[in-house]
Amino acid sequence: QVQLVESGGGLVQTGGSLRLSCVGSGFTFRRNHLAWYRQAPGKQRELVASISRDGSTSYADSVKGRFTISRVNAENTVYLQMNNLKPEDTGVYYCNVAATWWGQGTQVAVSS
């Protein structure tokens, strides 16, 4: 049974930082493509960042230069380091594996 548990969300001021974590179980972590998505109130879920099995990364234009996705296969964990946060980064952030499985989400709120 695949399980993804996110943590690290919270309330920060504009310009602040947060690091999200997602711990996976029930699948072979190192063999899978991982991603972070977010969903703002009243908007569709959107891809924020992804990391392939070999560590190649990609980012949405809106977060390039501010967010960094990384993975530690030995810990079955994928991270999202978010710096210089803006109010438009507010939303629920979801971990995704292989475009198939989802975590429960962690709330991020950025105050102006």
N, C-alpha and C. Protein backbone atom coordinates (compact mmCIF):
# COMPACT_ATOMS: atom_id res chain seq x y z
N GLN A 1 0.85 -1.19 0.00
CA GLN A 1 0.00 0.00 0.00
C GLN A 1 0.89 1.24 0.00
N VAL A 2 0.71 2.08 -1.03
CA VAL A 2 1.50 3.30 -1.13
C VAL A 2 1.01 4.32 -0.12
N GLN A 3 1.95 4.93 0.56
CA GLN A 3 1.62 5.97 1.52
C GLN A 3 2.63 7.11 1.38
N LEU A 4 2.11 8.34 1.35
CA LEU A 4 2.94 9.54 1.27
C LEU A 4 2.51 10.48 2.38
N VAL A 5 3.47 10.92 3.17
CA VAL A 5 3.15 11.79 4.30
C VAL A 5 3.95 13.07 4.18
N GLU A 6 3.23 14.17 3.96
CA GLU A 6 3.88 15.47 3.85
C GLU A 6 3.91 16.17 5.19
N SER A 7 4.89 17.04 5.36
CA SER A 7 5.00 17.87 6.55
C SER A 7 5.80 19.12 6.20
N GLY A 8 5.79 20.08 7.12
CA GLY A 8 6.62 21.26 6.95
C GLY A 8 5.88 22.53 6.58
N GLY A 9 4.59 22.42 6.31
CA GLY A 9 3.84 23.61 5.96
C GLY A 9 3.65 24.52 7.16
N GLY A 10 3.12 25.71 6.90
CA GLY A 10 2.88 26.65 7.98
C GLY A 10 2.59 28.04 7.46
N LEU A 11 2.59 29.00 8.37
CA LEU A 11 2.34 30.39 8.04
C LEU A 11 3.65 31.17 8.16
N VAL A 12 3.99 31.88 7.08
CA VAL A 12 5.20 32.69 7.08
C VAL A 12 4.90 34.05 6.46
N GLN A 13 5.77 34.99 6.70
CA GLN A 13 5.64 36.31 6.09
C GLN A 13 6.31 36.32 4.71
N THR A 14 5.93 37.26 3.91
CA THR A 14 6.57 37.44 2.61
C THR A 14 8.08 37.54 2.78
N GLY A 15 8.79 36.78 1.92
CA GLY A 15 10.24 36.74 2.01
C GLY A 15 10.78 35.62 2.88
N GLY A 16 9.91 34.95 3.59
CA GLY A 16 10.34 33.86 4.47
C GLY A 16 10.60 32.56 3.72
N SER A 17 10.96 31.56 4.49
CA SER A 17 11.31 30.25 3.91
C SER A 17 10.59 29.12 4.65
N LEU A 18 10.35 28.05 3.92
CA LEU A 18 9.84 26.81 4.49
C LEU A 18 10.48 25.65 3.76
N ARG A 19 10.59 24.51 4.45
CA ARG A 19 11.03 23.30 3.78
C ARG A 19 9.98 22.22 4.00
N LEU A 20 9.44 21.76 2.88
CA LEU A 20 8.46 20.69 2.93
C LEU A 20 9.16 19.34 2.78
N SER A 21 8.60 18.35 3.45
CA SER A 21 9.12 16.99 3.36
C SER A 21 7.99 16.04 2.99
N CYS A 22 8.33 15.00 2.28
CA CYS A 22 7.36 13.96 1.94
C CYS A 22 8.06 12.61 2.08
N VAL A 23 7.56 11.80 2.98
CA VAL A 23 8.14 10.48 3.20
C VAL A 23 7.23 9.44 2.56
N GLY A 24 7.82 8.60 1.73
CA GLY A 24 7.03 7.59 1.03
C GLY A 24 7.30 6.18 1.54
N SER A 25 6.29 5.32 1.38
CA SER A 25 6.43 3.92 1.73
C SER A 25 5.50 3.10 0.86
N GLY A 26 5.79 1.81 0.79
CA GLY A 26 4.92 0.92 0.02
C GLY A 26 5.26 0.83 -1.46
N PHE A 27 6.38 1.39 -1.86
CA PHE A 27 6.83 1.32 -3.25
C PHE A 27 8.35 1.51 -3.26
N THR A 28 8.97 1.24 -4.42
CA THR A 28 10.41 1.39 -4.53
C THR A 28 10.74 2.85 -4.84
N PHE A 29 11.06 3.56 -3.81
CA PHE A 29 11.19 5.01 -3.89
C PHE A 29 12.17 5.45 -4.96
N ARG A 30 13.35 4.82 -4.98
CA ARG A 30 14.43 5.30 -5.85
C ARG A 30 14.10 5.13 -7.34
N ARG A 31 13.14 4.32 -7.67
CA ARG A 31 12.82 4.04 -9.08
C ARG A 31 11.76 4.97 -9.66
N ASN A 32 11.28 5.89 -8.84
CA ASN A 32 10.14 6.68 -9.26
C ASN A 32 10.42 8.17 -9.42
N HIS A 33 9.69 8.75 -10.38
CA HIS A 33 9.66 10.17 -10.61
C HIS A 33 8.81 10.81 -9.52
N LEU A 34 9.30 11.89 -8.94
CA LEU A 34 8.61 12.54 -7.82
C LEU A 34 8.31 13.99 -8.16
N ALA A 35 7.28 14.51 -7.56
CA ALA A 35 6.91 15.90 -7.86
C ALA A 35 6.16 16.53 -6.68
N TRP A 36 6.17 17.84 -6.70
CA TRP A 36 5.35 18.64 -5.79
C TRP A 36 4.36 19.44 -6.63
N TYR A 37 3.12 19.42 -6.21
CA TYR A 37 2.06 20.22 -6.80
C TYR A 37 1.50 21.14 -5.72
N ARG A 38 0.77 22.14 -6.15
CA ARG A 38 0.06 22.98 -5.18
C ARG A 38 -1.30 23.37 -5.75
N GLN A 39 -2.18 23.67 -4.83
CA GLN A 39 -3.52 24.11 -5.23
C GLN A 39 -3.91 25.30 -4.37
N ALA A 40 -4.07 26.43 -5.02
CA ALA A 40 -4.51 27.64 -4.34
C ALA A 40 -6.04 27.65 -4.27
N PRO A 41 -6.59 28.38 -3.32
CA PRO A 41 -8.05 28.44 -3.19
C PRO A 41 -8.71 28.89 -4.50
N GLY A 42 -9.66 28.12 -4.97
CA GLY A 42 -10.39 28.46 -6.18
C GLY A 42 -9.66 28.21 -7.47
N LYS A 43 -8.49 27.58 -7.39
CA LYS A 43 -7.71 27.34 -8.60
C LYS A 43 -7.43 25.86 -8.78
N GLN A 44 -7.00 25.52 -9.99
CA GLN A 44 -6.65 24.14 -10.26
C GLN A 44 -5.29 23.79 -9.66
N ARG A 45 -5.11 22.51 -9.42
CA ARG A 45 -3.82 22.04 -8.94
C ARG A 45 -2.78 22.24 -10.04
N GLU A 46 -1.60 22.70 -9.67
CA GLU A 46 -0.56 22.95 -10.65
C GLU A 46 0.76 22.32 -10.21
N LEU A 47 1.56 21.95 -11.21
CA LEU A 47 2.87 21.37 -10.95
C LEU A 47 3.84 22.48 -10.54
N VAL A 48 4.55 22.25 -9.45
CA VAL A 48 5.51 23.22 -8.94
C VAL A 48 6.93 22.80 -9.32
N ALA A 49 7.27 21.55 -9.04
CA ALA A 49 8.63 21.07 -9.29
C ALA A 49 8.60 19.55 -9.39
N SER A 50 9.55 19.01 -10.13
CA SER A 50 9.66 17.55 -10.24
C SER A 50 11.12 17.15 -10.28
N ILE A 51 11.34 15.88 -9.92
CA ILE A 51 12.70 15.34 -9.93
C ILE A 51 12.63 13.91 -10.42
N SER A 52 13.49 13.60 -11.37
CA SER A 52 13.48 12.27 -11.97
C SER A 52 14.31 11.29 -11.14
N ARG A 53 14.32 10.04 -11.61
CA ARG A 53 15.08 9.01 -10.90
C ARG A 53 16.56 9.34 -10.84
N ASP A 54 17.06 9.99 -11.90
CA ASP A 54 18.50 10.30 -11.93
C ASP A 54 18.83 11.66 -11.31
N GLY A 55 17.82 12.34 -10.78
CA GLY A 55 18.05 13.60 -10.10
C GLY A 55 17.85 14.84 -10.93
N SER A 56 17.46 14.67 -12.19
CA SER A 56 17.16 15.83 -13.02
C SER A 56 15.93 16.54 -12.49
N THR A 57 15.98 17.87 -12.49
CA THR A 57 14.88 18.65 -11.92
C THR A 57 14.26 19.59 -12.94
N SER A 58 13.02 19.95 -12.68
CA SER A 58 12.35 20.97 -13.48
C SER A 58 11.42 21.75 -12.56
N TYR A 59 11.13 23.00 -12.96
CA TYR A 59 10.36 23.90 -12.12
C TYR A 59 9.36 24.71 -12.93
N ALA A 60 8.28 25.07 -12.30
CA ALA A 60 7.38 26.04 -12.88
C ALA A 60 8.09 27.38 -12.95
N ASP A 61 7.78 28.15 -13.97
CA ASP A 61 8.45 29.44 -14.14
C ASP A 61 8.27 30.33 -12.91
N SER A 62 7.12 30.22 -12.27
CA SER A 62 6.80 31.10 -11.14
C SER A 62 7.67 30.84 -9.91
N VAL A 63 8.35 29.70 -9.85
CA VAL A 63 9.15 29.38 -8.66
C VAL A 63 10.64 29.23 -8.97
N LYS A 64 11.00 29.32 -10.23
CA LYS A 64 12.42 29.16 -10.58
C LYS A 64 13.29 30.17 -9.85
N GLY A 65 14.40 29.68 -9.31
CA GLY A 65 15.31 30.54 -8.57
C GLY A 65 14.94 30.72 -7.11
N ARG A 66 13.75 30.27 -6.73
CA ARG A 66 13.31 30.41 -5.33
C ARG A 66 13.10 29.05 -4.65
N PHE A 67 12.65 28.06 -5.40
CA PHE A 67 12.35 26.74 -4.84
C PHE A 67 13.40 25.74 -5.34
N THR A 68 13.69 24.75 -4.49
CA THR A 68 14.59 23.68 -4.86
C THR A 68 14.00 22.35 -4.42
N ILE A 69 13.87 21.43 -5.37
CA ILE A 69 13.40 20.09 -5.06
C ILE A 69 14.62 19.17 -4.96
N SER A 70 14.57 18.25 -4.02
CA SER A 70 15.66 17.30 -3.85
C SER A 70 15.10 15.99 -3.30
N ARG A 71 15.89 14.95 -3.40
CA ARG A 71 15.44 13.65 -2.90
C ARG A 71 16.60 12.95 -2.19
N VAL A 72 16.25 12.20 -1.18
CA VAL A 72 17.22 11.36 -0.47
C VAL A 72 16.63 9.96 -0.49
N ASN A 73 17.08 9.17 -1.43
CA ASN A 73 16.49 7.84 -1.62
C ASN A 73 16.67 6.95 -0.40
N ALA A 74 17.80 7.11 0.28
CA ALA A 74 18.05 6.28 1.46
C ALA A 74 17.04 6.55 2.57
N GLU A 75 16.42 7.73 2.53
CA GLU A 75 15.43 8.10 3.54
C GLU A 75 14.01 8.05 3.00
N ASN A 76 13.86 7.65 1.73
CA ASN A 76 12.53 7.64 1.09
C ASN A 76 11.84 8.99 1.21
N THR A 77 12.61 10.04 1.03
CA THR A 77 12.09 11.39 1.26
C THR A 77 12.40 12.32 0.09
N VAL A 78 11.41 13.11 -0.25
CA VAL A 78 11.59 14.19 -1.22
C VAL A 78 11.30 15.50 -0.50
N TYR A 79 12.12 16.51 -0.79
CA TYR A 79 12.02 17.80 -0.13
C TYR A 79 11.67 18.89 -1.13
N LEU A 80 11.10 19.95 -0.61
CA LEU A 80 10.91 21.17 -1.38
C LEU A 80 11.33 22.33 -0.49
N GLN A 81 12.49 22.90 -0.82
CA GLN A 81 12.96 24.08 -0.11
C GLN A 81 12.39 25.30 -0.80
N MET A 82 11.68 26.11 -0.05
CA MET A 82 11.01 27.28 -0.61
C MET A 82 11.55 28.53 0.06
N ASN A 83 12.20 29.37 -0.74
CA ASN A 83 12.78 30.62 -0.24
C ASN A 83 12.09 31.81 -0.88
N ASN A 84 12.26 32.96 -0.26
CA ASN A 84 11.66 34.20 -0.77
C ASN A 84 10.19 34.01 -1.12
N LEU A 85 9.45 33.48 -0.18
CA LEU A 85 8.05 33.16 -0.42
C LEU A 85 7.23 34.42 -0.64
N LYS A 86 6.21 34.26 -1.49
CA LYS A 86 5.32 35.35 -1.86
C LYS A 86 3.88 34.95 -1.52
N PRO A 87 2.99 35.92 -1.36
CA PRO A 87 1.59 35.58 -1.06
C PRO A 87 0.98 34.65 -2.11
N GLU A 88 1.39 34.78 -3.36
CA GLU A 88 0.84 33.91 -4.41
C GLU A 88 1.33 32.47 -4.31
N ASP A 89 2.25 32.18 -3.40
CA ASP A 89 2.67 30.80 -3.16
C ASP A 89 1.73 30.09 -2.18
N THR A 90 0.78 30.80 -1.64
CA THR A 90 -0.17 30.22 -0.69
C THR A 90 -0.99 29.12 -1.35
N GLY A 91 -1.17 28.01 -0.62
CA GLY A 91 -1.97 26.91 -1.12
C GLY A 91 -1.67 25.64 -0.37
N VAL A 92 -2.32 24.58 -0.79
CA VAL A 92 -2.03 23.25 -0.25
C VAL A 92 -1.02 22.59 -1.18
N TYR A 93 0.04 22.10 -0.61
CA TYR A 93 1.12 21.47 -1.38
C TYR A 93 1.03 19.96 -1.23
N TYR A 94 1.09 19.30 -2.39
CA TYR A 94 0.92 17.85 -2.44
C TYR A 94 2.16 17.19 -3.03
N CYS A 95 2.53 16.09 -2.43
CA CYS A 95 3.58 15.24 -2.97
C CYS A 95 2.94 14.24 -3.94
N ASN A 96 3.65 13.97 -5.03
CA ASN A 96 3.13 13.04 -6.04
C ASN A 96 4.22 12.08 -6.47
N VAL A 97 3.83 10.83 -6.68
CA VAL A 97 4.76 9.81 -7.14
C VAL A 97 4.26 9.21 -8.45
N ALA A 98 5.12 9.22 -9.44
CA ALA A 98 4.84 8.57 -10.73
C ALA A 98 3.52 9.03 -11.34
N ALA A 99 3.17 10.26 -11.08
CA ALA A 99 1.93 10.84 -11.61
C ALA A 99 0.71 10.00 -11.25
N THR A 100 0.81 9.27 -10.17
CA THR A 100 -0.25 8.33 -9.81
C THR A 100 -0.72 8.50 -8.37
N TRP A 101 0.22 8.51 -7.44
CA TRP A 101 -0.16 8.53 -6.02
C TRP A 101 0.05 9.91 -5.41
N TRP A 102 -0.83 10.25 -4.46
CA TRP A 102 -0.82 11.58 -3.84
C TRP A 102 -0.75 11.47 -2.34
N GLY A 103 -0.09 12.47 -1.75
CA GLY A 103 -0.16 12.61 -0.31
C GLY A 103 -1.41 13.37 0.09
N GLN A 104 -1.55 13.61 1.38
CA GLN A 104 -2.76 14.28 1.88
C GLN A 104 -2.66 15.79 1.80
N GLY A 105 -1.46 16.30 1.57
CA GLY A 105 -1.26 17.74 1.43
C GLY A 105 -0.84 18.41 2.72
N THR A 106 -0.11 19.51 2.56
CA THR A 106 0.30 20.33 3.70
C THR A 106 0.06 21.79 3.33
N GLN A 107 -0.52 22.54 4.23
CA GLN A 107 -0.94 23.91 3.96
C GLN A 107 0.22 24.89 4.12
N VAL A 108 0.36 25.74 3.12
CA VAL A 108 1.33 26.84 3.16
C VAL A 108 0.58 28.15 3.02
N ALA A 109 0.83 29.07 3.92
CA ALA A 109 0.19 30.38 3.87
C ALA A 109 1.27 31.45 4.01
N VAL A 110 1.27 32.38 3.08
CA VAL A 110 2.26 33.46 3.07
C VAL A 110 1.52 34.78 3.24
N SER A 111 1.82 35.48 4.29
CA SER A 111 1.15 36.75 4.56
C SER A 111 1.95 37.90 3.97
N SER A 112 1.20 38.93 3.56
CA SER A 112 1.86 40.09 2.93
C SER A 112 2.23 41.12 3.97
